[in-house]
């Protein structure tokens, strides 16, 4: 699972979403969506601008945790042939 931690980060720095959007050159609505974790993708340029404005690295904004269903190895058995695909 991937989760955005931008809201916590800007709160810890005492910054508002509006100030961040102006400082990063990113639209206010884009910052709002990231803060609310309502995005399915983010452009590298947006992530870069947010990191520059906050003086952080991408892992300060994005958090990855393994889903309960995830397995250590990904393997799929092809239905027709019965062969294992990795």
Protein backbone atom coordinates (compact mmCIF):
# COMPACT_ATOMS: atom_id res chain seq x y z
CA UNK A 1 0.00 0.00 0.00
CA UNK A 2 1.28 3.44 -0.87
CA UNK A 3 0.23 6.37 1.29
CA UNK A 4 0.92 10.07 0.93
CA UNK A 5 2.27 11.77 4.08
CA UNK A 6 2.27 15.34 2.76
CA UNK A 7 -0.34 16.63 5.20
CA UNK A 8 1.65 15.48 8.24
CA UNK A 9 4.85 16.88 6.74
CA UNK A 10 3.52 20.36 6.07
CA UNK A 11 1.87 20.47 9.51
CA UNK A 12 5.18 19.54 11.15
CA UNK A 13 6.81 22.45 9.30
CA UNK A 14 4.02 24.87 10.25
CA UNK A 15 3.16 25.50 6.62
CA UNK A 16 -0.27 25.74 5.00
CA UNK A 17 -1.33 24.04 1.79
CA UNK A 18 -1.71 27.47 0.17
CA UNK A 19 1.82 28.56 1.09
CA UNK A 20 3.22 25.23 -0.13
CA UNK A 21 1.38 25.49 -3.44
CA UNK A 22 2.78 28.98 -4.01
CA UNK A 23 6.30 28.05 -2.92
CA UNK A 24 6.33 24.85 -5.03
CA UNK A 25 4.60 26.30 -8.08
CA UNK A 26 1.96 23.58 -7.89
CA UNK A 27 -1.77 24.25 -8.02
CA UNK A 28 -3.59 24.49 -4.71
CA UNK A 29 -6.00 21.73 -5.78
CA UNK A 30 -3.10 19.40 -6.58
CA UNK A 31 -1.63 19.99 -3.12
CA UNK A 32 -5.08 19.38 -1.56
CA UNK A 33 -5.47 16.08 -3.41
CA UNK A 34 -2.03 14.87 -2.33
CA UNK A 35 -2.67 15.94 1.27
CA UNK A 36 -5.96 14.07 1.31
CA UNK A 37 -4.31 10.99 -0.25
CA UNK A 38 -6.84 11.13 -3.11
CA UNK A 39 -4.42 10.55 -5.99
CA UNK A 40 -3.56 7.52 -8.05
CA UNK A 41 -0.39 8.96 -9.61
CA UNK A 42 1.97 11.88 -9.23
CA UNK A 43 4.25 13.47 -11.83
CA UNK A 44 7.95 13.47 -11.04
CA UNK A 45 8.02 17.20 -11.68
CA UNK A 46 5.30 17.78 -9.07
CA UNK A 47 7.06 15.54 -6.57
CA UNK A 48 10.36 17.31 -7.30
CA UNK A 49 8.78 20.75 -6.76
CA UNK A 50 7.18 19.65 -3.48
CA UNK A 51 10.48 18.21 -2.24
CA UNK A 52 12.38 21.37 -3.18
CA UNK A 53 9.82 23.60 -1.45
CA UNK A 54 9.84 21.47 1.70
CA UNK A 55 13.55 20.63 1.76
CA UNK A 56 12.82 16.92 1.87
CA UNK A 57 13.17 13.72 -0.15
CA UNK A 58 10.39 11.70 -1.84
CA UNK A 59 10.31 9.10 0.95
CA UNK A 60 9.30 11.89 3.35
CA UNK A 61 6.15 12.36 1.26
CA UNK A 62 5.44 8.81 0.07
CA UNK A 63 5.21 5.79 2.37
CA UNK A 64 5.12 2.16 1.24
CA UNK A 65 3.87 -0.62 3.47
CA UNK A 66 3.36 -4.18 2.41
CA UNK A 67 -0.28 -5.22 1.99
CA UNK A 68 -1.49 -8.19 4.01
CA UNK A 69 -2.16 -10.06 0.76
CA UNK A 70 1.31 -9.43 -0.72
CA UNK A 71 3.63 -12.40 -0.97
CA UNK A 72 7.41 -12.29 -0.88
CA UNK A 73 7.59 -13.72 -4.40
CA UNK A 74 5.24 -13.01 -7.21
CA UNK A 75 4.41 -16.12 -9.16
CA UNK A 76 1.45 -16.87 -11.36
CA UNK A 77 0.36 -20.19 -12.79
CA UNK A 78 -0.79 -19.87 -16.38
CA UNK A 79 -4.21 -21.53 -16.62
CA UNK A 80 -3.96 -23.16 -20.03
CA UNK A 81 -0.47 -24.66 -19.84
CA UNK A 82 -0.10 -24.97 -16.09
CA UNK A 83 3.36 -23.39 -16.31
CA UNK A 84 4.59 -21.09 -13.58
CA UNK A 85 5.31 -17.55 -14.71
CA UNK A 86 7.53 -15.36 -12.58
